[in-house]
ModelCIF file with pLDDT and N, C-alpha, C, O atoms, coordinates in Angstrom:
data_MODEL
#
_entry.id   MODEL 
#
_entity.id                         1 
_entity.type                       polymer 
_entity.pdbx_number_of_molecules   1 
#
_entity_poly.entity_id                      1 
_entity_poly.type                           'polypeptide(L)' 
_entity_poly.nstd_linkage                   no 
_entity_poly.nstd_monomer                   no 
_entity_poly.pdbx_seq_one_letter_code       EATEGVAEAMHWLREDVDGVIYVLDSTQDPFTQVNTMLIGIIESQDLP 
_entity_poly.pdbx_seq_one_letter_code_can   EATEGVAEAMHWLREDVDGVIYVLDSTQDPFTQVNTMLIGIIESQDLP 
_entity_poly.pdbx_strand_id                 A 
#
loop_
_entity_poly_seq.entity_id 
_entity_poly_seq.num 
_entity_poly_seq.mon_id 
_entity_poly_seq.hetero 
1 1  GLU n 
1 2  ALA n 
1 3  THR n 
1 4  GLU n 
1 5  GLY n 
1 6  VAL n 
1 7  ALA n 
1 8  GLU n 
1 9  ALA n 
1 10 MET n 
1 11 HIS n 
1 12 TRP n 
1 13 LEU n 
1 14 ARG n 
1 15 GLU n 
1 16 ASP n 
1 17 VAL n 
1 18 ASP n 
1 19 GLY n 
1 20 VAL n 
1 21 ILE n 
1 22 TYR n 
1 23 VAL n 
1 24 LEU n 
1 25 ASP n 
1 26 SER n 
1 27 THR n 
1 28 GLN n 
1 29 ASP n 
1 30 PRO n 
1 31 PHE n 
1 32 THR n 
1 33 GLN n 
1 34 VAL n 
1 35 ASN n 
1 36 THR n 
1 37 MET n 
1 38 LEU n 
1 39 ILE n 
1 40 GLY n 
1 41 ILE n 
1 42 ILE n 
1 43 GLU n 
1 44 SER n 
1 45 GLN n 
1 46 ASP n 
1 47 LEU n 
1 48 PRO n 
#
_struct_asym.id          A 
_struct_asym.entity_id   1 
#
loop_
_ma_qa_metric.id 
_ma_qa_metric.mode 
_ma_qa_metric.name 
_ma_qa_metric.software_group_id 
_ma_qa_metric.type 
1 global pLDDT . pLDDT 
2 local  pLDDT . pLDDT 
#
_ma_qa_metric_global.metric_id      1 
_ma_qa_metric_global.metric_value   88.35 
_ma_qa_metric_global.model_id       1 
_ma_qa_metric_global.ordinal_id     1 
#
loop_
_ma_qa_metric_local.label_asym_id 
_ma_qa_metric_local.label_comp_id 
_ma_qa_metric_local.label_seq_id 
_ma_qa_metric_local.metric_id 
_ma_qa_metric_local.metric_value 
_ma_qa_metric_local.model_id 
_ma_qa_metric_local.ordinal_id 
A GLU 1  2 74.00 1 1  
A ALA 2  2 70.00 1 2  
A THR 3  2 71.00 1 3  
A GLU 4  2 77.00 1 4  
A GLY 5  2 71.00 1 5  
A VAL 6  2 73.00 1 6  
A ALA 7  2 75.00 1 7  
A GLU 8  2 79.00 1 8  
A ALA 9  2 78.00 1 9  
A MET 10 2 78.00 1 10 
A HIS 11 2 78.00 1 11 
A TRP 12 2 77.00 1 12 
A LEU 13 2 80.00 1 13 
A ARG 14 2 79.00 1 14 
A GLU 15 2 82.00 1 15 
A ASP 16 2 83.00 1 16 
A VAL 17 2 92.00 1 17 
A ASP 18 2 94.00 1 18 
A GLY 19 2 95.00 1 19 
A VAL 20 2 96.00 1 20 
A ILE 21 2 97.00 1 21 
A TYR 22 2 97.00 1 22 
A VAL 23 2 97.00 1 23 
A LEU 24 2 97.00 1 24 
A ASP 25 2 97.00 1 25 
A SER 26 2 98.00 1 26 
A THR 27 2 97.00 1 27 
A GLN 28 2 96.00 1 28 
A ASP 29 2 95.00 1 29 
A PRO 30 2 96.00 1 30 
A PHE 31 2 92.00 1 31 
A THR 32 2 92.00 1 32 
A GLN 33 2 90.00 1 33 
A VAL 34 2 89.00 1 34 
A ASN 35 2 94.00 1 35 
A THR 36 2 94.00 1 36 
A MET 37 2 91.00 1 37 
A LEU 38 2 92.00 1 38 
A ILE 39 2 95.00 1 39 
A GLY 40 2 94.00 1 40 
A ILE 41 2 92.00 1 41 
A ILE 42 2 94.00 1 42 
A GLU 43 2 95.00 1 43 
A SER 44 2 93.00 1 44 
A GLN 45 2 92.00 1 45 
A ASP 46 2 94.00 1 46 
A LEU 47 2 94.00 1 47 
A PRO 48 2 95.00 1 48 
#
loop_
_atom_site.group_PDB 
_atom_site.id 
_atom_site.type_symbol 
_atom_site.label_atom_id 
_atom_site.label_alt_id 
_atom_site.label_comp_id 
_atom_site.label_asym_id 
_atom_site.label_entity_id 
_atom_site.label_seq_id 
_atom_site.pdbx_PDB_ins_code 
_atom_site.Cartn_x 
_atom_site.Cartn_y 
_atom_site.Cartn_z 
_atom_site.occupancy 
_atom_site.B_iso_or_equiv 
_atom_site.pdbx_formal_charge 
_atom_site.auth_seq_id 
_atom_site.auth_comp_id 
_atom_site.auth_asym_id 
_atom_site.auth_atom_id 
_atom_site.pdbx_PDB_model_num 
ATOM 1   N N  . GLU A 1 1  ? -10.228 15.390  2.837   1.00 74.00 ? 1  GLU A N  1 
ATOM 2   C CA . GLU A 1 1  ? -9.289  15.189  1.777   1.00 74.00 ? 1  GLU A CA 1 
ATOM 3   C C  . GLU A 1 1  ? -8.448  14.283  1.997   1.00 74.00 ? 1  GLU A C  1 
ATOM 4   O O  . GLU A 1 1  ? -7.802  14.065  0.972   1.00 74.00 ? 1  GLU A O  1 
ATOM 5   N N  . ALA A 1 2  ? -8.071  13.495  3.049   1.00 70.00 ? 2  ALA A N  1 
ATOM 6   C CA . ALA A 1 2  ? -7.218  12.835  3.372   1.00 70.00 ? 2  ALA A CA 1 
ATOM 7   C C  . ALA A 1 2  ? -8.007  11.147  3.542   1.00 70.00 ? 2  ALA A C  1 
ATOM 8   O O  . ALA A 1 2  ? -7.401  10.165  3.972   1.00 70.00 ? 2  ALA A O  1 
ATOM 9   N N  . THR A 1 3  ? -9.180  11.148  3.176   1.00 71.00 ? 3  THR A N  1 
ATOM 10  C CA . THR A 1 3  ? -9.999  10.006  3.202   1.00 71.00 ? 3  THR A CA 1 
ATOM 11  C C  . THR A 1 3  ? -10.272 10.109  1.637   1.00 71.00 ? 3  THR A C  1 
ATOM 12  O O  . THR A 1 3  ? -10.236 9.056   1.001   1.00 71.00 ? 3  THR A O  1 
ATOM 13  N N  . GLU A 1 4  ? -10.468 10.977  1.151   1.00 77.00 ? 4  GLU A N  1 
ATOM 14  C CA . GLU A 1 4  ? -10.023 10.576  -0.278  1.00 77.00 ? 4  GLU A CA 1 
ATOM 15  C C  . GLU A 1 4  ? -8.812  10.548  -0.848  1.00 77.00 ? 4  GLU A C  1 
ATOM 16  O O  . GLU A 1 4  ? -8.662  10.131  -1.997  1.00 77.00 ? 4  GLU A O  1 
ATOM 17  N N  . GLY A 1 5  ? -8.025  10.899  -0.258  1.00 71.00 ? 5  GLY A N  1 
ATOM 18  C CA . GLY A 1 5  ? -6.743  10.471  -0.718  1.00 71.00 ? 5  GLY A CA 1 
ATOM 19  C C  . GLY A 1 5  ? -6.270  8.881   -0.516  1.00 71.00 ? 5  GLY A C  1 
ATOM 20  O O  . GLY A 1 5  ? -5.417  8.198   -1.084  1.00 71.00 ? 5  GLY A O  1 
ATOM 21  N N  . VAL A 1 6  ? -7.041  8.664   0.353   1.00 73.00 ? 6  VAL A N  1 
ATOM 22  C CA . VAL A 1 6  ? -6.785  7.311   0.626   1.00 73.00 ? 6  VAL A CA 1 
ATOM 23  C C  . VAL A 1 6  ? -7.506  6.376   -0.135  1.00 73.00 ? 6  VAL A C  1 
ATOM 24  O O  . VAL A 1 6  ? -6.923  5.322   -0.389  1.00 73.00 ? 6  VAL A O  1 
ATOM 25  N N  . ALA A 1 7  ? -8.602  6.530   -0.536  1.00 75.00 ? 7  ALA A N  1 
ATOM 26  C CA . ALA A 1 7  ? -9.327  5.969   -1.982  1.00 75.00 ? 7  ALA A CA 1 
ATOM 27  C C  . ALA A 1 7  ? -8.202  5.975   -2.879  1.00 75.00 ? 7  ALA A C  1 
ATOM 28  O O  . ALA A 1 7  ? -7.515  4.987   -3.140  1.00 75.00 ? 7  ALA A O  1 
ATOM 29  N N  . GLU A 1 8  ? -8.028  7.283   -3.395  1.00 79.00 ? 8  GLU A N  1 
ATOM 30  C CA . GLU A 1 8  ? -7.258  7.308   -4.882  1.00 79.00 ? 8  GLU A CA 1 
ATOM 31  C C  . GLU A 1 8  ? -5.828  6.694   -5.032  1.00 79.00 ? 8  GLU A C  1 
ATOM 32  O O  . GLU A 1 8  ? -5.175  6.340   -6.013  1.00 79.00 ? 8  GLU A O  1 
ATOM 33  N N  . ALA A 1 9  ? -5.513  6.705   -3.245  1.00 78.00 ? 9  ALA A N  1 
ATOM 34  C CA . ALA A 1 9  ? -4.057  5.482   -3.555  1.00 78.00 ? 9  ALA A CA 1 
ATOM 35  C C  . ALA A 1 9  ? -4.362  4.227   -3.833  1.00 78.00 ? 9  ALA A C  1 
ATOM 36  O O  . ALA A 1 9  ? -3.665  3.534   -4.574  1.00 78.00 ? 9  ALA A O  1 
ATOM 37  N N  . MET A 1 10 ? -5.304  3.871   -3.332  1.00 78.00 ? 10 MET A N  1 
ATOM 38  C CA . MET A 1 10 ? -6.159  2.170   -3.368  1.00 78.00 ? 10 MET A CA 1 
ATOM 39  C C  . MET A 1 10 ? -6.470  2.442   -4.909  1.00 78.00 ? 10 MET A C  1 
ATOM 40  O O  . MET A 1 10 ? -5.982  1.611   -5.675  1.00 78.00 ? 10 MET A O  1 
ATOM 41  N N  . HIS A 1 11 ? -6.955  3.124   -5.284  1.00 78.00 ? 11 HIS A N  1 
ATOM 42  C CA . HIS A 1 11 ? -7.197  2.790   -6.888  1.00 78.00 ? 11 HIS A CA 1 
ATOM 43  C C  . HIS A 1 11 ? -5.727  2.815   -7.821  1.00 78.00 ? 11 HIS A C  1 
ATOM 44  O O  . HIS A 1 11 ? -5.746  2.003   -8.747  1.00 78.00 ? 11 HIS A O  1 
ATOM 45  N N  . TRP A 1 12 ? -5.000  3.287   -7.750  1.00 77.00 ? 12 TRP A N  1 
ATOM 46  C CA . TRP A 1 12 ? -3.416  3.321   -8.132  1.00 77.00 ? 12 TRP A CA 1 
ATOM 47  C C  . TRP A 1 12 ? -2.920  2.098   -8.115  1.00 77.00 ? 12 TRP A C  1 
ATOM 48  O O  . TRP A 1 12 ? -2.586  1.375   -9.054  1.00 77.00 ? 12 TRP A O  1 
ATOM 49  N N  . LEU A 1 13 ? -2.889  1.851   -6.510  1.00 80.00 ? 13 LEU A N  1 
ATOM 50  C CA . LEU A 1 13 ? -2.431  0.271   -6.593  1.00 80.00 ? 13 LEU A CA 1 
ATOM 51  C C  . LEU A 1 13 ? -3.007  -0.956  -7.505  1.00 80.00 ? 13 LEU A C  1 
ATOM 52  O O  . LEU A 1 13 ? -2.380  -1.896  -7.993  1.00 80.00 ? 13 LEU A O  1 
ATOM 53  N N  . ARG A 1 14 ? -4.245  -0.682  -7.572  1.00 79.00 ? 14 ARG A N  1 
ATOM 54  C CA . ARG A 1 14 ? -5.414  -1.953  -8.257  1.00 79.00 ? 14 ARG A CA 1 
ATOM 55  C C  . ARG A 1 14 ? -5.054  -1.879  -9.402  1.00 79.00 ? 14 ARG A C  1 
ATOM 56  O O  . ARG A 1 14 ? -4.876  -2.945  -9.990  1.00 79.00 ? 14 ARG A O  1 
ATOM 57  N N  . GLU A 1 15 ? -4.766  -0.313  -10.292 1.00 82.00 ? 15 GLU A N  1 
ATOM 58  C CA . GLU A 1 15 ? -4.992  -0.161  -11.355 1.00 82.00 ? 15 GLU A CA 1 
ATOM 59  C C  . GLU A 1 15 ? -3.930  0.290   -12.246 1.00 82.00 ? 15 GLU A C  1 
ATOM 60  O O  . GLU A 1 15 ? -3.673  -0.158  -13.363 1.00 82.00 ? 15 GLU A O  1 
ATOM 61  N N  . ASP A 1 16 ? -3.178  1.497   -11.441 1.00 83.00 ? 16 ASP A N  1 
ATOM 62  C CA . ASP A 1 16 ? -1.873  2.639   -12.120 1.00 83.00 ? 16 ASP A CA 1 
ATOM 63  C C  . ASP A 1 16 ? -0.515  1.716   -11.928 1.00 83.00 ? 16 ASP A C  1 
ATOM 64  O O  . ASP A 1 16 ? 0.064   1.772   -13.013 1.00 83.00 ? 16 ASP A O  1 
ATOM 65  N N  . VAL A 1 17 ? 0.046   1.105   -11.252 1.00 92.00 ? 17 VAL A N  1 
ATOM 66  C CA . VAL A 1 17 ? 1.251   1.003   -11.108 1.00 92.00 ? 17 VAL A CA 1 
ATOM 67  C C  . VAL A 1 17 ? 1.808   0.065   -11.404 1.00 92.00 ? 17 VAL A C  1 
ATOM 68  O O  . VAL A 1 17 ? 1.158   -0.919  -11.054 1.00 92.00 ? 17 VAL A O  1 
ATOM 69  N N  . ASP A 1 18 ? 3.134   -0.307  -12.113 1.00 94.00 ? 18 ASP A N  1 
ATOM 70  C CA . ASP A 1 18 ? 3.877   -1.281  -12.510 1.00 94.00 ? 18 ASP A CA 1 
ATOM 71  C C  . ASP A 1 18 ? 4.754   -2.339  -11.421 1.00 94.00 ? 18 ASP A C  1 
ATOM 72  O O  . ASP A 1 18 ? 5.132   -3.501  -11.567 1.00 94.00 ? 18 ASP A O  1 
ATOM 73  N N  . GLY A 1 19 ? 4.928   -1.058  -9.904  1.00 95.00 ? 19 GLY A N  1 
ATOM 74  C CA . GLY A 1 19 ? 5.815   -1.819  -9.289  1.00 95.00 ? 19 GLY A CA 1 
ATOM 75  C C  . GLY A 1 19 ? 5.536   -1.219  -7.884  1.00 95.00 ? 19 GLY A C  1 
ATOM 76  O O  . GLY A 1 19 ? 4.394   -0.768  -7.791  1.00 95.00 ? 19 GLY A O  1 
ATOM 77  N N  . VAL A 1 20 ? 6.312   -1.103  -6.752  1.00 96.00 ? 20 VAL A N  1 
ATOM 78  C CA . VAL A 1 20 ? 5.981   -0.357  -5.574  1.00 96.00 ? 20 VAL A CA 1 
ATOM 79  C C  . VAL A 1 20 ? 6.898   -0.770  -4.859  1.00 96.00 ? 20 VAL A C  1 
ATOM 80  O O  . VAL A 1 20 ? 7.478   -1.833  -4.641  1.00 96.00 ? 20 VAL A O  1 
ATOM 81  N N  . ILE A 1 21 ? 6.937   0.670   -4.404  1.00 97.00 ? 21 ILE A N  1 
ATOM 82  C CA . ILE A 1 21 ? 8.038   1.301   -3.423  1.00 97.00 ? 21 ILE A CA 1 
ATOM 83  C C  . ILE A 1 21 ? 7.518   1.263   -1.991  1.00 97.00 ? 21 ILE A C  1 
ATOM 84  O O  . ILE A 1 21 ? 7.036   2.328   -1.606  1.00 97.00 ? 21 ILE A O  1 
ATOM 85  N N  . TYR A 1 22 ? 7.519   0.556   -1.386  1.00 97.00 ? 22 TYR A N  1 
ATOM 86  C CA . TYR A 1 22 ? 7.087   0.601   0.538   1.00 97.00 ? 22 TYR A CA 1 
ATOM 87  C C  . TYR A 1 22 ? 7.754   1.296   1.550   1.00 97.00 ? 22 TYR A C  1 
ATOM 88  O O  . TYR A 1 22 ? 8.740   0.909   2.177   1.00 97.00 ? 22 TYR A O  1 
ATOM 89  N N  . VAL A 1 23 ? 7.100   2.435   1.676   1.00 97.00 ? 23 VAL A N  1 
ATOM 90  C CA . VAL A 1 23 ? 8.335   2.965   2.915   1.00 97.00 ? 23 VAL A CA 1 
ATOM 91  C C  . VAL A 1 23 ? 7.759   2.933   4.386   1.00 97.00 ? 23 VAL A C  1 
ATOM 92  O O  . VAL A 1 23 ? 6.625   3.348   4.626   1.00 97.00 ? 23 VAL A O  1 
ATOM 93  N N  . LEU A 1 24 ? 8.685   2.364   5.464   1.00 97.00 ? 24 LEU A N  1 
ATOM 94  C CA . LEU A 1 24 ? 7.966   2.198   6.354   1.00 97.00 ? 24 LEU A CA 1 
ATOM 95  C C  . LEU A 1 24 ? 9.183   3.232   7.222   1.00 97.00 ? 24 LEU A C  1 
ATOM 96  O O  . LEU A 1 24 ? 10.228  3.640   6.716   1.00 97.00 ? 24 LEU A O  1 
ATOM 97  N N  . ASP A 1 25 ? 8.748   3.479   8.521   1.00 97.00 ? 25 ASP A N  1 
ATOM 98  C CA . ASP A 1 25 ? 8.990   4.596   9.551   1.00 97.00 ? 25 ASP A CA 1 
ATOM 99  C C  . ASP A 1 25 ? 9.995   2.984   10.720  1.00 97.00 ? 25 ASP A C  1 
ATOM 100 O O  . ASP A 1 25 ? 9.526   2.169   11.515  1.00 97.00 ? 25 ASP A O  1 
ATOM 101 N N  . SER A 1 26 ? 11.134  3.173   10.321  1.00 98.00 ? 26 SER A N  1 
ATOM 102 C CA . SER A 1 26 ? 12.231  2.154   11.126  1.00 98.00 ? 26 SER A CA 1 
ATOM 103 C C  . SER A 1 26 ? 12.161  2.776   12.804  1.00 98.00 ? 26 SER A C  1 
ATOM 104 O O  . SER A 1 26 ? 12.990  2.478   13.664  1.00 98.00 ? 26 SER A O  1 
ATOM 105 N N  . THR A 1 27 ? 10.955  3.711   13.023  1.00 97.00 ? 27 THR A N  1 
ATOM 106 C CA . THR A 1 27 ? 11.270  3.653   14.617  1.00 97.00 ? 27 THR A CA 1 
ATOM 107 C C  . THR A 1 27 ? 9.723   2.862   15.039  1.00 97.00 ? 27 THR A C  1 
ATOM 108 O O  . THR A 1 27 ? 9.543   2.180   16.048  1.00 97.00 ? 27 THR A O  1 
ATOM 109 N N  . GLN A 1 28 ? 8.986   3.084   14.267  1.00 96.00 ? 28 GLN A N  1 
ATOM 110 C CA . GLN A 1 28 ? 7.273   2.570   14.583  1.00 96.00 ? 28 GLN A CA 1 
ATOM 111 C C  . GLN A 1 28 ? 7.581   0.843   14.740  1.00 96.00 ? 28 GLN A C  1 
ATOM 112 O O  . GLN A 1 28 ? 8.735   0.414   14.711  1.00 96.00 ? 28 GLN A O  1 
ATOM 113 N N  . ASP A 1 29 ? 6.578   0.091   14.879  1.00 95.00 ? 29 ASP A N  1 
ATOM 114 C CA . ASP A 1 29 ? 6.017   -1.058  15.039  1.00 95.00 ? 29 ASP A CA 1 
ATOM 115 C C  . ASP A 1 29 ? 5.411   -1.522  13.542  1.00 95.00 ? 29 ASP A C  1 
ATOM 116 O O  . ASP A 1 29 ? 4.265   -1.154  13.285  1.00 95.00 ? 29 ASP A O  1 
ATOM 117 N N  . PRO A 1 30 ? 6.125   -2.301  12.568  1.00 96.00 ? 30 PRO A N  1 
ATOM 118 C CA . PRO A 1 30 ? 5.714   -2.554  11.501  1.00 96.00 ? 30 PRO A CA 1 
ATOM 119 C C  . PRO A 1 30 ? 4.524   -3.460  11.347  1.00 96.00 ? 30 PRO A C  1 
ATOM 120 O O  . PRO A 1 30 ? 4.014   -3.536  10.229  1.00 96.00 ? 30 PRO A O  1 
ATOM 121 N N  . PHE A 1 31 ? 3.922   -4.298  12.548  1.00 92.00 ? 31 PHE A N  1 
ATOM 122 C CA . PHE A 1 31 ? 2.952   -4.996  12.607  1.00 92.00 ? 31 PHE A CA 1 
ATOM 123 C C  . PHE A 1 31 ? 1.431   -4.252  12.808  1.00 92.00 ? 31 PHE A C  1 
ATOM 124 O O  . PHE A 1 31 ? 0.876   -4.153  13.902  1.00 92.00 ? 31 PHE A O  1 
ATOM 125 N N  . THR A 1 32 ? 0.911   -3.784  11.605  1.00 92.00 ? 32 THR A N  1 
ATOM 126 C CA . THR A 1 32 ? -0.254  -3.212  11.837  1.00 92.00 ? 32 THR A CA 1 
ATOM 127 C C  . THR A 1 32 ? -0.956  -3.636  10.706  1.00 92.00 ? 32 THR A C  1 
ATOM 128 O O  . THR A 1 32 ? -0.450  -4.112  9.690   1.00 92.00 ? 32 THR A O  1 
ATOM 129 N N  . GLN A 1 33 ? -2.510  -3.384  10.991  1.00 90.00 ? 33 GLN A N  1 
ATOM 130 C CA . GLN A 1 33 ? -3.176  -3.652  9.760   1.00 90.00 ? 33 GLN A CA 1 
ATOM 131 C C  . GLN A 1 33 ? -3.250  -3.449  8.387   1.00 90.00 ? 33 GLN A C  1 
ATOM 132 O O  . GLN A 1 33 ? -3.679  -4.178  7.493   1.00 90.00 ? 33 GLN A O  1 
ATOM 133 N N  . VAL A 1 34 ? -2.621  -2.018  8.364   1.00 89.00 ? 34 VAL A N  1 
ATOM 134 C CA . VAL A 1 34 ? -2.824  -1.371  7.321   1.00 89.00 ? 34 VAL A CA 1 
ATOM 135 C C  . VAL A 1 34 ? -1.575  -1.974  6.116   1.00 89.00 ? 34 VAL A C  1 
ATOM 136 O O  . VAL A 1 34 ? -1.596  -2.043  4.887   1.00 89.00 ? 34 VAL A O  1 
ATOM 137 N N  . ASN A 1 35 ? -0.276  -2.439  7.415   1.00 94.00 ? 35 ASN A N  1 
ATOM 138 C CA . ASN A 1 35 ? 0.783   -2.504  6.483   1.00 94.00 ? 35 ASN A CA 1 
ATOM 139 C C  . ASN A 1 35 ? 0.987   -4.057  5.923   1.00 94.00 ? 35 ASN A C  1 
ATOM 140 O O  . ASN A 1 35 ? 1.710   -4.446  5.005   1.00 94.00 ? 35 ASN A O  1 
ATOM 141 N N  . THR A 1 36 ? 0.101   -4.808  6.791   1.00 94.00 ? 36 THR A N  1 
ATOM 142 C CA . THR A 1 36 ? -0.166  -6.452  6.510   1.00 94.00 ? 36 THR A CA 1 
ATOM 143 C C  . THR A 1 36 ? -1.276  -6.212  5.368   1.00 94.00 ? 36 THR A C  1 
ATOM 144 O O  . THR A 1 36 ? -1.261  -7.060  4.476   1.00 94.00 ? 36 THR A O  1 
ATOM 145 N N  . MET A 1 37 ? -2.093  -5.341  5.273   1.00 91.00 ? 37 MET A N  1 
ATOM 146 C CA . MET A 1 37 ? -3.357  -5.499  3.557   1.00 91.00 ? 37 MET A CA 1 
ATOM 147 C C  . MET A 1 37 ? -2.553  -4.720  2.907   1.00 91.00 ? 37 MET A C  1 
ATOM 148 O O  . MET A 1 37 ? -2.174  -5.521  2.053   1.00 91.00 ? 37 MET A O  1 
ATOM 149 N N  . LEU A 1 38 ? -1.909  -3.575  2.630   1.00 92.00 ? 38 LEU A N  1 
ATOM 150 C CA . LEU A 1 38 ? -1.365  -3.497  1.700   1.00 92.00 ? 38 LEU A CA 1 
ATOM 151 C C  . LEU A 1 38 ? -0.230  -4.133  1.389   1.00 92.00 ? 38 LEU A C  1 
ATOM 152 O O  . LEU A 1 38 ? -0.010  -3.922  0.197   1.00 92.00 ? 38 LEU A O  1 
ATOM 153 N N  . ILE A 1 39 ? 0.658   -4.853  1.896   1.00 95.00 ? 39 ILE A N  1 
ATOM 154 C CA . ILE A 1 39 ? 1.694   -5.880  1.424   1.00 95.00 ? 39 ILE A CA 1 
ATOM 155 C C  . ILE A 1 39 ? 0.801   -7.237  0.447   1.00 95.00 ? 39 ILE A C  1 
ATOM 156 O O  . ILE A 1 39 ? 1.175   -7.848  -0.554  1.00 95.00 ? 39 ILE A O  1 
ATOM 157 N N  . GLY A 1 40 ? -0.097  -7.308  1.010   1.00 94.00 ? 40 GLY A N  1 
ATOM 158 C CA . GLY A 1 40 ? -1.308  -8.765  0.820   1.00 94.00 ? 40 GLY A CA 1 
ATOM 159 C C  . GLY A 1 40 ? -1.744  -8.288  -0.573  1.00 94.00 ? 40 GLY A C  1 
ATOM 160 O O  . GLY A 1 40 ? -1.519  -8.996  -1.555  1.00 94.00 ? 40 GLY A O  1 
ATOM 161 N N  . ILE A 1 41 ? -2.451  -6.932  -0.696  1.00 92.00 ? 41 ILE A N  1 
ATOM 162 C CA . ILE A 1 41 ? -2.749  -6.309  -2.214  1.00 92.00 ? 41 ILE A CA 1 
ATOM 163 C C  . ILE A 1 41 ? -1.507  -6.430  -3.050  1.00 92.00 ? 41 ILE A C  1 
ATOM 164 O O  . ILE A 1 41 ? -1.321  -6.781  -4.215  1.00 92.00 ? 41 ILE A O  1 
ATOM 165 N N  . ILE A 1 42 ? -0.732  -6.035  -2.099  1.00 94.00 ? 42 ILE A N  1 
ATOM 166 C CA . ILE A 1 42 ? 0.751   -5.765  -3.723  1.00 94.00 ? 42 ILE A CA 1 
ATOM 167 C C  . ILE A 1 42 ? 1.341   -7.311  -4.448  1.00 94.00 ? 42 ILE A C  1 
ATOM 168 O O  . ILE A 1 42 ? 1.751   -7.585  -5.576  1.00 94.00 ? 42 ILE A O  1 
ATOM 169 N N  . GLU A 1 43 ? 1.117   -8.251  -2.990  1.00 95.00 ? 43 GLU A N  1 
ATOM 170 C CA . GLU A 1 43 ? 1.328   -9.540  -3.466  1.00 95.00 ? 43 GLU A CA 1 
ATOM 171 C C  . GLU A 1 43 ? 0.497   -10.345 -4.423  1.00 95.00 ? 43 GLU A C  1 
ATOM 172 O O  . GLU A 1 43 ? 0.847   -11.216 -5.219  1.00 95.00 ? 43 GLU A O  1 
ATOM 173 N N  . SER A 1 44 ? -0.986  -9.722  -4.088  1.00 93.00 ? 44 SER A N  1 
ATOM 174 C CA . SER A 1 44 ? -1.902  -10.258 -5.100  1.00 93.00 ? 44 SER A CA 1 
ATOM 175 C C  . SER A 1 44 ? -2.154  -10.014 -6.300  1.00 93.00 ? 44 SER A C  1 
ATOM 176 O O  . SER A 1 44 ? -2.979  -10.607 -6.995  1.00 93.00 ? 44 SER A O  1 
ATOM 177 N N  . GLN A 1 45 ? -1.082  -8.646  -6.787  1.00 92.00 ? 45 GLN A N  1 
ATOM 178 C CA . GLN A 1 45 ? -1.357  -7.749  -7.864  1.00 92.00 ? 45 GLN A CA 1 
ATOM 179 C C  . GLN A 1 45 ? 0.219   -8.718  -8.809  1.00 92.00 ? 45 GLN A C  1 
ATOM 180 O O  . GLN A 1 45 ? 0.670   -8.715  -9.954  1.00 92.00 ? 45 GLN A O  1 
ATOM 181 N N  . ASP A 1 46 ? 0.480   -9.243  -7.825  1.00 94.00 ? 46 ASP A N  1 
ATOM 182 C CA . ASP A 1 46 ? 1.770   -9.976  -8.963  1.00 94.00 ? 46 ASP A CA 1 
ATOM 183 C C  . ASP A 1 46 ? 2.861   -8.597  -8.969  1.00 94.00 ? 46 ASP A C  1 
ATOM 184 O O  . ASP A 1 46 ? 3.685   -8.468  -9.874  1.00 94.00 ? 46 ASP A O  1 
ATOM 185 N N  . LEU A 1 47 ? 2.733   -7.558  -7.789  1.00 94.00 ? 47 LEU A N  1 
ATOM 186 C CA . LEU A 1 47 ? 3.932   -6.542  -8.293  1.00 94.00 ? 47 LEU A CA 1 
ATOM 187 C C  . LEU A 1 47 ? 4.997   -6.633  -7.640  1.00 94.00 ? 47 LEU A C  1 
ATOM 188 O O  . LEU A 1 47 ? 4.998   -6.795  -6.419  1.00 94.00 ? 47 LEU A O  1 
ATOM 189 N N  . PRO A 1 48 ? 6.220   -6.528  -8.460  1.00 95.00 ? 48 PRO A N  1 
ATOM 190 C CA . PRO A 1 48 ? 7.585   -6.230  -7.568  1.00 95.00 ? 48 PRO A CA 1 
ATOM 191 C C  . PRO A 1 48 ? 7.138   -5.164  -6.456  1.00 95.00 ? 48 PRO A C  1 
ATOM 192 O O  . PRO A 1 48 ? 7.956   -4.748  -5.636  1.00 95.00 ? 48 PRO A O  1 
#
């Protein structure tokens, strides 16, 4: 179900949101593949 949820989240990002609140755990290292990828997609979609 979690894997399906990831796919759904990506669909929303590419098709159905007007802006993004990106939440990070400030106790964890933010330099991850997922964070870099998602921020890149958000920027490519020109979303605030």
